[in-house]
Structure formats: C-alpha cells, structure tokens
Amino acid sequence: MTNIFLTLPMFLFLVGTWIYISKRKHLMNMLISLEYIVLSIFLLLMLCTMKLGIETYLSLIFLVASVCEGSLGVGIMVTMVRSHGSDYMSCFSALKW
C-alpha cells in the first residue's frame, strides 16, 4: 500500500514534465506546469518524511522557495507582456532588439 503512495507523486511528476515539454507556446502554460511539478515534488517530500518519521521543516522551506519561484515567474511574464504585447514564446527572443 505504501508503494502506491510513493509511485503516485512520481507519476504526477512525469505528467507535469510531459505537459511542460509539450505546451511551450505560452509562458503562462509553462508556469502552471512548473507549479504542478513543484506540488508533485512537495507531495513526494511529505510522504517520504511521514514514512520515515522525521520532522517536516524542510517542506516549509521548500514551499517558501517554490512561492518565490512562482512570483518571479509571474513577474517575468508581466514584464514580457508589457514589453512585447503577448506571452507567446515565439515572439520573445533574447537576440531581438
């Protein structure tokens, strides 16, 4: 029964990675799939710490880091929409002026 609880977050991680790879058209889709991956890693971290019986302070630090990553991504997206007019990844290039 515990093997199912550990394979579920790994499956969710693979699904999130597949979505991240396949949906590269909009920056918002990429950010949502990254948050999905972070939540699956958080679920795996929580299940492993509960199974081993250790304290879960690391999960709080992980959540703080993932919130900072999410807010940074949204800030980049807002800057990109203001400067380029859309969140299409094809219209954004670091080589264009």
PDB file of N, CA and C in Angstrom:
ATOM      1  N   MET A   1       0.822  -1.200   0.000  1.00  0.00           N
ATOM      2  CA  MET A   1       0.000   0.000   0.000  1.00  0.00           C
ATOM      3  C   MET A   1       0.866   1.264   0.000  1.00  0.00           C
ATOM      4  N   THR A   2       1.993   1.231   0.704  1.00  0.00           N
ATOM      5  CA  THR A   2       2.844   2.416   0.726  1.00  0.00           C
ATOM      6  C   THR A   2       3.567   2.607  -0.604  1.00  0.00           C
ATOM      7  N   ASN A   3       3.721   1.538  -1.356  1.00  0.00           N
ATOM      8  CA  ASN A   3       4.364   1.672  -2.659  1.00  0.00           C
ATOM      9  C   ASN A   3       3.493   2.508  -3.604  1.00  0.00           C
ATOM     10  N   ILE A   4       2.176   2.380  -3.491  1.00  0.00           N
ATOM     11  CA  ILE A   4       1.267   3.177  -4.318  1.00  0.00           C
ATOM     12  C   ILE A   4       1.389   4.648  -3.955  1.00  0.00           C
ATOM     13  N   PHE A   5       1.539   4.957  -2.675  1.00  0.00           N
ATOM     14  CA  PHE A   5       1.659   6.344  -2.255  1.00  0.00           C
ATOM     15  C   PHE A   5       2.950   6.987  -2.731  1.00  0.00           C
ATOM     16  N   LEU A   6       3.982   6.189  -2.960  1.00  0.00           N
ATOM     17  CA  LEU A   6       5.233   6.751  -3.454  1.00  0.00           C
ATOM     18  C   LEU A   6       5.284   6.802  -4.978  1.00  0.00           C
ATOM     19  N   THR A   7       4.543   5.932  -5.664  1.00  0.00           N
ATOM     20  CA  THR A   7       4.549   5.977  -7.125  1.00  0.00           C
ATOM     21  C   THR A   7       3.612   7.048  -7.678  1.00  0.00           C
ATOM     22  N   LEU A   8       2.596   7.425  -6.927  1.00  0.00           N
ATOM     23  CA  LEU A   8       1.682   8.472  -7.381  1.00  0.00           C
ATOM     24  C   LEU A   8       2.382   9.812  -7.591  1.00  0.00           C
ATOM     25  N   PRO A   9       3.178  10.326  -6.635  1.00  0.00           N
ATOM     26  CA  PRO A   9       3.875  11.597  -6.907  1.00  0.00           C
ATOM     27  C   PRO A   9       4.878  11.488  -8.056  1.00  0.00           C
ATOM     28  N   MET A  10       5.496  10.335  -8.224  1.00  0.00           N
ATOM     29  CA  MET A  10       6.420  10.176  -9.346  1.00  0.00           C
ATOM     30  C   MET A  10       5.675  10.212 -10.675  1.00  0.00           C
ATOM     31  N   PHE A  11       4.498   9.594 -10.717  1.00  0.00           N
ATOM     32  CA  PHE A  11       3.665   9.659 -11.921  1.00  0.00           C
ATOM     33  C   PHE A  11       3.211  11.084 -12.186  1.00  0.00           C
ATOM     34  N   LEU A  12       2.813  11.804 -11.144  1.00  0.00           N
ATOM     35  CA  LEU A  12       2.404  13.197 -11.297  1.00  0.00           C
ATOM     36  C   LEU A  12       3.560  14.060 -11.795  1.00  0.00           C
ATOM     37  N   PHE A  13       4.767  13.771 -11.321  1.00  0.00           N
ATOM     38  CA  PHE A  13       5.948  14.495 -11.790  1.00  0.00           C
ATOM     39  C   PHE A  13       6.194  14.247 -13.276  1.00  0.00           C
ATOM     40  N   LEU A  14       6.058  13.000 -13.703  1.00  0.00           N
ATOM     41  CA  LEU A  14       6.254  12.693 -15.124  1.00  0.00           C
ATOM     42  C   LEU A  14       5.178  13.339 -15.999  1.00  0.00           C
ATOM     43  N   VAL A  15       3.936  13.357 -15.519  1.00  0.00           N
ATOM     44  CA  VAL A  15       2.863  14.021 -16.272  1.00  0.00           C
ATOM     45  C   VAL A  15       3.130  15.524 -16.372  1.00  0.00           C
ATOM     46  N   GLY A  16       3.561  16.132 -15.276  1.00  0.00           N
ATOM     47  CA  GLY A  16       3.882  17.565 -15.302  1.00  0.00           C
ATOM     48  C   GLY A  16       5.044  17.879 -16.218  1.00  0.00           C
ATOM     49  N   THR A  17       6.036  17.004 -16.248  1.00  0.00           N
ATOM     50  CA  THR A  17       7.166  17.190 -17.151  1.00  0.00           C
ATOM     51  C   THR A  17       6.726  17.054 -18.600  1.00  0.00           C
ATOM     52  N   TRP A  18       5.852  16.090 -18.878  1.00  0.00           N
ATOM     53  CA  TRP A  18       5.338  15.921 -20.235  1.00  0.00           C
ATOM     54  C   TRP A  18       4.555  17.155 -20.686  1.00  0.00           C
ATOM     55  N   ILE A  19       3.738  17.706 -19.795  1.00  0.00           N
ATOM     56  CA  ILE A  19       2.971  18.906 -20.130  1.00  0.00           C
ATOM     57  C   ILE A  19       3.908  20.089 -20.356  1.00  0.00           C
ATOM     58  N   TYR A  20       4.946  20.189 -19.540  1.00  0.00           N
ATOM     59  CA  TYR A  20       5.914  21.279 -19.695  1.00  0.00           C
ATOM     60  C   TYR A  20       6.626  21.200 -21.039  1.00  0.00           C
ATOM     61  N   ILE A  21       6.970  19.999 -21.448  1.00  0.00           N
ATOM     62  CA  ILE A  21       7.676  19.827 -22.712  1.00  0.00           C
ATOM     63  C   ILE A  21       6.747  20.060 -23.899  1.00  0.00           C
ATOM     64  N   SER A  22       5.517  19.595 -23.806  1.00  0.00           N
ATOM     65  CA  SER A  22       4.626  19.657 -24.966  1.00  0.00           C
ATOM     66  C   SER A  22       3.897  20.994 -25.118  1.00  0.00           C
ATOM     67  N   LYS A  23       3.693  21.742 -24.062  1.00  0.00           N
ATOM     68  CA  LYS A  23       2.938  23.006 -24.132  1.00  0.00           C
ATOM     69  C   LYS A  23       3.889  24.192 -23.968  1.00  0.00           C
ATOM     70  N   ARG A  24       4.697  24.445 -24.984  1.00  0.00           N
ATOM     71  CA  ARG A  24       5.684  25.516 -24.900  1.00  0.00           C
ATOM     72  C   ARG A  24       5.263  26.769 -25.645  1.00  0.00           C
ATOM     73  N   LYS A  25       3.998  26.880 -26.004  1.00  0.00           N
ATOM     74  CA  LYS A  25       3.560  28.020 -26.802  1.00  0.00           C
ATOM     75  C   LYS A  25       3.393  29.275 -25.953  1.00  0.00           C
ATOM     76  N   HIS A  26       2.765  29.162 -24.814  1.00  0.00           N
ATOM     77  CA  HIS A  26       2.531  30.303 -23.928  1.00  0.00           C
ATOM     78  C   HIS A  26       3.379  30.170 -22.671  1.00  0.00           C
ATOM     79  N   LEU A  27       3.828  31.305 -22.171  1.00  0.00           N
ATOM     80  CA  LEU A  27       4.598  31.320 -20.931  1.00  0.00           C
ATOM     81  C   LEU A  27       3.721  30.945 -19.742  1.00  0.00           C
ATOM     82  N   MET A  28       2.455  31.322 -19.758  1.00  0.00           N
ATOM     83  CA  MET A  28       1.551  31.006 -18.646  1.00  0.00           C
ATOM     84  C   MET A  28       1.361  29.497 -18.511  1.00  0.00           C
ATOM     85  N   ASN A  29       1.221  28.786 -19.626  1.00  0.00           N
ATOM     86  CA  ASN A  29       1.108  27.323 -19.566  1.00  0.00           C
ATOM     87  C   ASN A  29       2.361  26.700 -18.980  1.00  0.00           C
ATOM     88  N   MET A  30       3.501  27.243 -19.327  1.00  0.00           N
ATOM     89  CA  MET A  30       4.753  26.714 -18.792  1.00  0.00           C
ATOM     90  C   MET A  30       4.858  26.953 -17.286  1.00  0.00           C
ATOM     91  N   LEU A  31       4.430  28.128 -16.832  1.00  0.00           N
ATOM     92  CA  LEU A  31       4.482  28.424 -15.398  1.00  0.00           C
ATOM     93  C   LEU A  31       3.522  27.540 -14.604  1.00  0.00           C
ATOM     94  N   ILE A  32       2.334  27.300 -15.143  1.00  0.00           N
ATOM     95  CA  ILE A  32       1.370  26.440 -14.449  1.00  0.00           C
ATOM     96  C   ILE A  32       1.892  25.014 -14.369  1.00  0.00           C
ATOM     97  N   SER A  33       2.510  24.523 -15.432  1.00  0.00           N
ATOM     98  CA  SER A  33       3.047  23.159 -15.379  1.00  0.00           C
ATOM     99  C   SER A  33       4.242  23.070 -14.434  1.00  0.00           C
ATOM    100  N   LEU A  34       5.039  24.135 -14.330  1.00  0.00           N
ATOM    101  CA  LEU A  34       6.134  24.129 -13.356  1.00  0.00           C
ATOM    102  C   LEU A  34       5.599  24.085 -11.925  1.00  0.00           C
ATOM    103  N   GLU A  35       4.525  24.813 -11.655  1.00  0.00           N
ATOM    104  CA  GLU A  35       3.923  24.762 -10.324  1.00  0.00           C
ATOM    105  C   GLU A  35       3.338  23.381 -10.027  1.00  0.00           C
ATOM    106  N   TYR A  36       2.802  22.748 -11.052  1.00  0.00           N
ATOM    107  CA  TYR A  36       2.294  21.373 -10.903  1.00  0.00           C
ATOM    108  C   TYR A  36       3.427  20.415 -10.552  1.00  0.00           C
ATOM    109  N   ILE A  37       4.569  20.581 -11.190  1.00  0.00           N
ATOM    110  CA  ILE A  37       5.736  19.750 -10.895  1.00  0.00           C
ATOM    111  C   ILE A  37       6.212  19.991  -9.466  1.00  0.00           C
ATOM    112  N   VAL A  38       6.230  21.257  -9.049  1.00  0.00           N
ATOM    113  CA  VAL A  38       6.658  21.586  -7.686  1.00  0.00           C
ATOM    114  C   VAL A  38       5.715  20.968  -6.658  1.00  0.00           C
ATOM    115  N   LEU A  39       4.422  20.996  -6.924  1.00  0.00           N
ATOM    116  CA  LEU A  39       3.468  20.389  -5.986  1.00  0.00           C
ATOM    117  C   LEU A  39       3.616  18.870  -5.927  1.00  0.00           C
ATOM    118  N   SER A  40       3.943  18.242  -7.039  1.00  0.00           N
ATOM    119  CA  SER A  40       4.159  16.791  -7.002  1.00  0.00           C
ATOM    120  C   SER A  40       5.434  16.449  -6.230  1.00  0.00           C
ATOM    121  N   ILE A  41       6.461  17.270  -6.358  1.00  0.00           N
ATOM    122  CA  ILE A  41       7.681  17.051  -5.575  1.00  0.00           C
ATOM    123  C   ILE A  41       7.405  17.289  -4.097  1.00  0.00           C
ATOM    124  N   PHE A  42       6.581  18.292  -3.789  1.00  0.00           N
ATOM    125  CA  PHE A  42       6.204  18.542  -2.399  1.00  0.00           C
ATOM    126  C   PHE A  42       5.430  17.362  -1.813  1.00  0.00           C
ATOM    127  N   LEU A  43       4.526  16.797  -2.607  1.00  0.00           N
ATOM    128  CA  LEU A  43       3.782  15.625  -2.147  1.00  0.00           C
ATOM    129  C   LEU A  43       4.718  14.456  -1.880  1.00  0.00           C
ATOM    130  N   LEU A  44       5.677  14.241  -2.765  1.00  0.00           N
ATOM    131  CA  LEU A  44       6.663  13.175  -2.562  1.00  0.00           C
ATOM    132  C   LEU A  44       7.501  13.431  -1.317  1.00  0.00           C
ATOM    133  N   LEU A  45       7.900  14.667  -1.106  1.00  0.00           N
ATOM    134  CA  LEU A  45       8.685  15.031   0.076  1.00  0.00           C
ATOM    135  C   LEU A  45       7.898  14.795   1.360  1.00  0.00           C
ATOM    136  N   MET A  46       6.627  15.190   1.363  1.00  0.00           N
ATOM    137  CA  MET A  46       5.804  14.988   2.553  1.00  0.00           C
ATOM    138  C   MET A  46       5.573  13.503   2.837  1.00  0.00           C
ATOM    139  N   LEU A  47       5.299  12.725   1.802  1.00  0.00           N
ATOM    140  CA  LEU A  47       5.078  11.288   2.009  1.00  0.00           C
ATOM    141  C   LEU A  47       6.335  10.587   2.505  1.00  0.00           C
ATOM    142  N   CYS A  48       7.486  10.977   1.977  1.00  0.00           N
ATOM    143  CA  CYS A  48       8.741  10.358   2.430  1.00  0.00           C
ATOM    144  C   CYS A  48       9.067  10.730   3.870  1.00  0.00           C
ATOM    145  N   THR A  49       8.833  11.995   4.243  1.00  0.00           N
ATOM    146  CA  THR A  49       9.128  12.391   5.623  1.00  0.00           C
ATOM    147  C   THR A  49       8.146  11.759   6.611  1.00  0.00           C
ATOM    148  N   MET A  50       6.903  11.585   6.189  1.00  0.00           N
ATOM    149  CA  MET A  50       5.949  10.909   7.079  1.00  0.00           C
ATOM    150  C   MET A  50       6.271   9.427   7.221  1.00  0.00           C
ATOM    151  N   LYS A  51       6.709   8.806   6.136  1.00  0.00           N
ATOM    152  CA  LYS A  51       7.039   7.387   6.193  1.00  0.00           C
ATOM    153  C   LYS A  51       8.272   7.136   7.053  1.00  0.00           C
ATOM    154  N   LEU A  52       9.258   8.037   6.952  1.00  0.00           N
ATOM    155  CA  LEU A  52      10.478   7.866   7.732  1.00  0.00           C
ATOM    156  C   LEU A  52      10.331   8.369   9.164  1.00  0.00           C
ATOM    157  N   GLY A  53       9.323   9.166   9.424  1.00  0.00           N
ATOM    158  CA  GLY A  53       9.077   9.656  10.771  1.00  0.00           C
ATOM    159  C   GLY A  53       9.975  10.801  11.179  1.00  0.00           C
ATOM    160  N   ILE A  54      10.474  11.561  10.225  1.00  0.00           N
ATOM    161  CA  ILE A  54      11.312  12.707  10.563  1.00  0.00           C
ATOM    162  C   ILE A  54      10.475  13.973  10.485  1.00  0.00           C
ATOM    163  N   GLU A  55      11.039  15.059  10.961  1.00  0.00           N
ATOM    164  CA  GLU A  55      10.284  16.301  11.018  1.00  0.00           C
ATOM    165  C   GLU A  55      10.168  16.927   9.632  1.00  0.00           C
ATOM    166  N   THR A  56       9.136  17.713   9.439  1.00  0.00           N
ATOM    167  CA  THR A  56       8.809  18.232   8.114  1.00  0.00           C
ATOM    168  C   THR A  56       9.141  19.713   7.957  1.00  0.00           C
ATOM    169  N   TYR A  57      10.180  20.199   8.632  1.00  0.00           N
ATOM    170  CA  TYR A  57      10.567  21.598   8.470  1.00  0.00           C
ATOM    171  C   TYR A  57      11.136  21.869   7.085  1.00  0.00           C
ATOM    172  N   LEU A  58      11.727  20.872   6.470  1.00  0.00           N
ATOM    173  CA  LEU A  58      12.264  21.030   5.132  1.00  0.00           C
ATOM    174  C   LEU A  58      11.158  21.348   4.128  1.00  0.00           C
ATOM    175  N   SER A  59       9.976  20.796   4.364  1.00  0.00           N
ATOM    176  CA  SER A  59       8.867  21.060   3.449  1.00  0.00           C
ATOM    177  C   SER A  59       8.436  22.524   3.502  1.00  0.00           C
ATOM    178  N   LEU A  60       8.531  23.158   4.652  1.00  0.00           N
ATOM    179  CA  LEU A  60       8.201  24.574   4.757  1.00  0.00           C
ATOM    180  C   LEU A  60       9.197  25.415   3.971  1.00  0.00           C
ATOM    181  N   ILE A  61      10.468  25.094   4.069  1.00  0.00           N
ATOM    182  CA  ILE A  61      11.491  25.803   3.303  1.00  0.00           C
ATOM    183  C   ILE A  61      11.282  25.574   1.812  1.00  0.00           C
ATOM    184  N   PHE A  62      10.900  24.361   1.445  1.00  0.00           N
ATOM    185  CA  PHE A  62      10.637  24.043   0.041  1.00  0.00           C
ATOM    186  C   PHE A  62       9.455  24.843  -0.485  1.00  0.00           C
ATOM    187  N   LEU A  63       8.403  24.970   0.305  1.00  0.00           N
ATOM    188  CA  LEU A  63       7.241  25.760  -0.112  1.00  0.00           C
ATOM    189  C   LEU A  63       7.578  27.239  -0.256  1.00  0.00           C
ATOM    190  N   VAL A  64       8.411  27.764   0.639  1.00  0.00           N
ATOM    191  CA  VAL A  64       8.815  29.169   0.535  1.00  0.00           C
ATOM    192  C   VAL A  64       9.606  29.387  -0.750  1.00  0.00           C
ATOM    193  N   ALA A  65      10.511  28.475  -1.069  1.00  0.00           N
ATOM    194  CA  ALA A  65      11.299  28.592  -2.301  1.00  0.00           C
ATOM    195  C   ALA A  65      10.416  28.470  -3.535  1.00  0.00           C
ATOM    196  N   SER A  66       9.418  27.600  -3.491  1.00  0.00           N
ATOM    197  CA  SER A  66       8.543  27.438  -4.657  1.00  0.00           C
ATOM    198  C   SER A  66       7.632  28.658  -4.839  1.00  0.00           C
ATOM    199  N   VAL A  67       7.214  29.298  -3.760  1.00  0.00           N
ATOM    200  CA  VAL A  67       6.419  30.525  -3.874  1.00  0.00           C
ATOM    201  C   VAL A  67       7.272  31.642  -4.460  1.00  0.00           C
ATOM    202  N   CYS A  68       8.526  31.721  -4.043  1.00  0.00           N
ATOM    203  CA  CYS A  68       9.420  32.732  -4.623  1.00  0.00           C
ATOM    204  C   CYS A  68       9.640  32.474  -6.108  1.00  0.00           C
ATOM    205  N   GLU A  69       9.770  31.215  -6.490  1.00  0.00           N
ATOM    206  CA  GLU A  69       9.930  30.865  -7.906  1.00  0.00           C
ATOM    207  C   GLU A  69       8.691  31.237  -8.701  1.00  0.00           C
ATOM    208  N   GLY A  70       7.528  30.997  -8.138  1.00  0.00           N
ATOM    209  CA  GLY A  70       6.286  31.336  -8.821  1.00  0.00           C
ATOM    210  C   GLY A  70       6.098  32.832  -8.989  1.00  0.00           C
ATOM    211  N   SER A  71       6.411  33.588  -7.951  1.00  0.00           N
ATOM    212  CA  SER A  71       6.257  35.041  -8.055  1.00  0.00           C
ATOM    213  C   SER A  71       7.274  35.635  -9.022  1.00  0.00           C
ATOM    214  N   LEU A  72       8.467  35.071  -9.074  1.00  0.00           N
ATOM    215  CA  LEU A  72       9.459  35.527 -10.040  1.00  0.00           C
ATOM    216  C   LEU A  72       9.004  35.233 -11.460  1.00  0.00           C
ATOM    217  N   GLY A  73       8.424  34.072 -11.676  1.00  0.00           N
ATOM    218  CA  GLY A  73       7.909  33.727 -12.998  1.00  0.00           C
ATOM    219  C   GLY A  73       6.773  34.630 -13.435  1.00  0.00           C
ATOM    220  N   VAL A  74       5.865  34.946 -12.523  1.00  0.00           N
ATOM    221  CA  VAL A  74       4.759  35.850 -12.858  1.00  0.00           C
ATOM    222  C   VAL A  74       5.288  37.252 -13.137  1.00  0.00           C
ATOM    223  N   GLY A  75       6.290  37.675 -12.405  1.00  0.00           N
ATOM    224  CA  GLY A  75       6.895  38.983 -12.666  1.00  0.00           C
ATOM    225  C   GLY A  75       7.545  39.044 -14.037  1.00  0.00           C
ATOM    226  N   ILE A  76       8.229  37.984 -14.418  1.00  0.00           N
ATOM    227  CA  ILE A  76       8.836  37.923 -15.752  1.00  0.00           C
ATOM    228  C   ILE A  76       7.751  37.927 -16.819  1.00  0.00           C
ATOM    229  N   MET A  77       6.665  37.205 -16.565  1.00  0.00           N
ATOM    230  CA  MET A  77       5.587  37.163 -17.544  1.00  0.00           C
ATOM    231  C   MET A  77       4.935  38.539 -17.712  1.00  0.00           C
ATOM    232  N   VAL A  78       4.706  39.248 -16.615  1.00  0.00           N
ATOM    233  CA  VAL A  78       4.105  40.582 -16.697  1.00  0.00           C
ATOM    234  C   VAL A  78       5.032  41.528 -17.458  1.00  0.00           C
ATOM    235  N   THR A  79       6.330  41.457 -17.203  1.00  0.00           N
ATOM    236  CA  THR A  79       7.286  42.290 -17.928  1.00  0.00           C
ATOM    237  C   THR A  79       7.294  41.957 -19.412  1.00  0.00           C
ATOM    238  N   MET A  80       7.197  40.674 -19.722  1.00  0.00           N
ATOM    239  CA  MET A  80       7.196  40.254 -21.114  1.00  0.00           C
ATOM    240  C   MET A  80       5.926  40.712 -21.828  1.00  0.00           C
ATOM    241  N   VAL A  81       4.792  40.625 -21.168  1.00  0.00           N
ATOM    242  CA  VAL A  81       3.535  41.064 -21.777  1.00  0.00           C
ATOM    243  C   VAL A  81       3.544  42.572 -21.980  1.00  0.00           C
ATOM    244  N   ARG A  82       4.098  43.308 -21.045  1.00  0.00           N
ATOM    245  CA  ARG A  82       4.147  44.765 -21.197  1.00  0.00           C
ATOM    246  C   ARG A  82       5.097  45.196 -22.312  1.00  0.00           C
ATOM    247  N   SER A  83       6.210  44.478 -22.484  1.00  0.00           N
ATOM    248  CA  SER A  83       7.176  44.911 -23.494  1.00  0.00           C
ATOM    249  C   SER A  83       6.876  44.357 -24.881  1.00  0.00           C
ATOM    250  N   HIS A  84       6.340  43.149 -24.978  1.00  0.00           N
ATOM    251  CA  HIS A  84       6.117  42.515 -26.274  1.00  0.00           C
ATOM    252  C   HIS A  84       4.647  42.407 -26.665  1.00  0.00           C
ATOM    253  N   GLY A  85       3.729  42.581 -25.736  1.00  0.00           N
ATOM    254  CA  GLY A  85       2.319  42.569 -26.069  1.00  0.00           C
ATOM    255  C   GLY A  85       1.626  41.231 -25.910  1.00  0.00           C
ATOM    256  N   SER A  86       2.353  40.149 -25.730  1.00  0.00           N
ATOM    257  CA  SER A  86       1.720  38.840 -25.542  1.00  0.00           C
ATOM    258  C   SER A  86       2.690  37.928 -24.785  1.00  0.00           C
ATOM    259  N   ASP A  87       2.181  36.753 -24.417  1.00  0.00           N
ATOM    260  CA  ASP A  87       3.039  35.805 -23.711  1.00  0.00           C
ATOM    261  C   ASP A  87       3.443  34.625 -24.589  1.00  0.00           C
ATOM    262  N   TYR A  88       3.369  34.818 -25.913  1.00  0.00           N
ATOM    263  CA  TYR A  88       3.846  33.775 -26.818  1.00  0.00           C
ATOM    264  C   TYR A  88       5.362  33.658 -26.707  1.00  0.00           C
ATOM    265  N   MET A  89       5.835  32.439 -26.614  1.00  0.00           N
ATOM    266  CA  MET A  89       7.274  32.231 -26.522  1.00  0.00           C
ATOM    267  C   MET A  89       7.957  32.453 -27.868  1.00  0.00           C
ATOM    268  N   SER A  90       7.209  32.350 -28.959  1.00  0.00           N
ATOM    269  CA  SER A  90       7.822  32.511 -30.272  1.00  0.00           C
ATOM    270  C   SER A  90       8.171  33.970 -30.568  1.00  0.00           C
ATOM    271  N   CYS A  91       7.427  34.914 -29.995  1.00  0.00           N
ATOM    272  CA  CYS A  91       7.709  36.326 -30.278  1.00  0.00           C
ATOM    273  C   CYS A  91       8.801  36.879 -29.363  1.00  0.00           C
ATOM    274  N   PHE A  92       9.231  36.126 -28.401  1.00  0.00           N
ATOM    275  CA  PHE A  92      10.256  36.594 -27.473  1.00  0.00           C
ATOM    276  C   PHE A  92      11.588  35.955 -27.812  1.00  0.00           C
ATOM    277  N   SER A  93      12.546  36.761 -28.079  1.00  0.00           N
ATOM    278  CA  SER A  93      13.883  36.263 -28.353  1.00  0.00           C
ATOM    279  C   SER A  93      14.882  37.211 -27.709  1.00  0.00           C
ATOM    280  N   ALA A  94      15.903  36.663 -27.132  1.00  0.00           N
ATOM    281  CA  ALA A  94      16.920  37.493 -26.489  1.00  0.00           C
ATOM    282  C   ALA A  94      17.805  38.179 -27.523  1.00  0.00           C
ATOM    283  N   LEU A  95      17.794  37.705 -28.749  1.00  0.00           N
ATOM    284  CA  LEU A  95      18.628  38.286 -29.795  1.00  0.00           C
ATOM    285  C   LEU A  95      17.967  39.466 -30.488  1.00  0.00           C
ATOM    286  N   LYS A  96      16.641  39.599 -30.362  1.00  0.00           N
ATOM    287  CA  LYS A  96      15.948  40.725 -30.985  1.00  0.00           C
ATOM    288  C   LYS A  96      16.087  41.962 -30.118  1.00  0.00           C
ATOM    289  N   TRP A  97      16.075  43.115 -30.749  1.00  0.00           N
ATOM    290  CA  TRP A  97      16.130  44.365 -30.000  1.00  0.00           C
ATOM    291  C   TRP A  97      14.811  44.995 -29.984  1.00  0.00           C
TER     292      TRP A  97
END
